[in-house]
């Protein structure tokens, strides 16, 4: 994805995502609460993430768990896992 828009993304997160493009995991948003989303990954499992992203349930996203990012279309958002 050339030149994505970045929301709350640190330079190190961008560097990690760029250096490890195979770590992106495709998924669908299954729920959204204020400040969090839950993503069902197409390869199995799910992630609940704290993020400013506000996709609708059913919307496709990509999650980079190492860089702690979620991509929606051409926009990258910081996305920390809920522990």
Protein backbone atom coordinates (compact mmCIF):
# COMPACT_ATOMS: atom_id res chain seq x y z
CA UNK A 1 0.00 0.00 0.00
CA UNK A 2 1.85 3.10 -1.18
CA UNK A 3 1.72 6.14 1.11
CA UNK A 4 -1.15 5.25 3.44
CA UNK A 5 -2.67 7.98 5.58
CA UNK A 6 -1.57 7.48 9.20
CA UNK A 7 -3.60 8.20 12.35
CA UNK A 8 -1.68 8.05 15.68
CA UNK A 9 1.02 5.87 14.05
CA UNK A 10 4.54 6.18 15.43
CA UNK A 11 7.52 6.07 13.04
CA UNK A 12 8.66 2.75 14.58
CA UNK A 13 5.24 1.21 13.89
CA UNK A 14 5.47 2.27 10.26
CA UNK A 15 9.01 0.89 10.00
CA UNK A 16 7.97 -2.48 11.47
CA UNK A 17 4.92 -2.77 9.21
CA UNK A 18 6.95 -1.86 6.14
CA UNK A 19 9.72 -4.31 7.06
CA UNK A 20 7.33 -7.21 7.66
CA UNK A 21 4.49 -7.00 5.13
CA UNK A 22 3.66 -10.70 5.46
CA UNK A 23 2.52 -10.16 9.07
CA UNK A 24 -0.70 -8.39 8.00
CA UNK A 25 -3.81 -10.48 8.81
CA UNK A 26 -7.08 -9.91 6.99
CA UNK A 27 -10.30 -9.90 8.96
CA UNK A 28 -13.79 -8.59 9.41
CA UNK A 29 -14.96 -6.27 12.17
CA UNK A 30 -17.46 -8.16 14.32
CA UNK A 31 -18.16 -5.42 16.87
CA UNK A 32 -17.32 -1.83 17.68
CA UNK A 33 -17.54 -0.09 21.02
CA UNK A 34 -16.30 3.42 21.79
CA UNK A 35 -12.50 3.19 21.46
CA UNK A 36 -12.34 -0.53 20.63
CA UNK A 37 -13.03 -2.92 17.78
CA UNK A 38 -13.12 -6.70 17.65
CA UNK A 39 -11.82 -8.32 14.48
CA UNK A 40 -12.42 -11.93 13.40
CA UNK A 41 -9.35 -12.95 11.42
CA UNK A 42 -9.96 -14.84 8.19
CA UNK A 43 -7.22 -17.32 9.15
CA UNK A 44 -8.84 -18.01 12.54
CA UNK A 45 -8.95 -16.31 15.91
CA UNK A 46 -9.96 -12.82 16.87
CA UNK A 47 -8.44 -9.64 18.27
CA UNK A 48 -9.93 -6.88 20.38
CA UNK A 49 -8.06 -3.65 19.78
CA UNK A 50 -8.01 -0.19 21.32
CA UNK A 51 -7.98 2.26 18.43
CA UNK A 52 -9.41 5.50 17.07
CA UNK A 53 -10.53 3.60 13.97
CA UNK A 54 -14.31 3.35 13.72
CA UNK A 55 -15.18 0.76 11.07
CA UNK A 56 -18.67 -0.64 10.91
CA UNK A 57 -19.33 -4.28 11.83
CA UNK A 58 -18.80 -6.42 8.74
CA UNK A 59 -16.20 -4.06 7.28
CA UNK A 60 -12.97 -5.69 6.05
CA UNK A 61 -9.75 -4.62 7.75
CA UNK A 62 -6.14 -5.74 7.99
CA UNK A 63 -4.37 -6.08 11.34
CA UNK A 64 -0.59 -6.00 11.82
CA UNK A 65 -0.19 -7.53 15.30
CA UNK A 66 3.56 -6.88 15.54
CA UNK A 67 3.38 -3.20 14.57
CA UNK A 68 0.05 -2.80 16.43
CA UNK A 69 -1.77 -1.30 13.45
CA UNK A 70 -5.13 -1.71 11.77
CA UNK A 71 -5.64 -0.73 8.14
CA UNK A 72 -9.01 0.30 6.78
CA UNK A 73 -8.80 1.03 3.09
CA UNK A 74 -5.82 3.33 2.63
CA UNK A 75 -5.65 4.49 6.25
CA UNK A 76 -3.44 3.02 9.00
CA UNK A 77 -4.44 3.50 12.66
CA UNK A 78 -2.55 2.64 15.82
CA UNK A 79 -4.32 -0.36 17.38
CA UNK A 80 -3.18 -1.74 20.72
CA UNK A 81 -4.44 -5.16 21.84
CA UNK A 82 -6.79 -5.19 24.81
CA UNK A 83 -5.23 -7.34 27.51
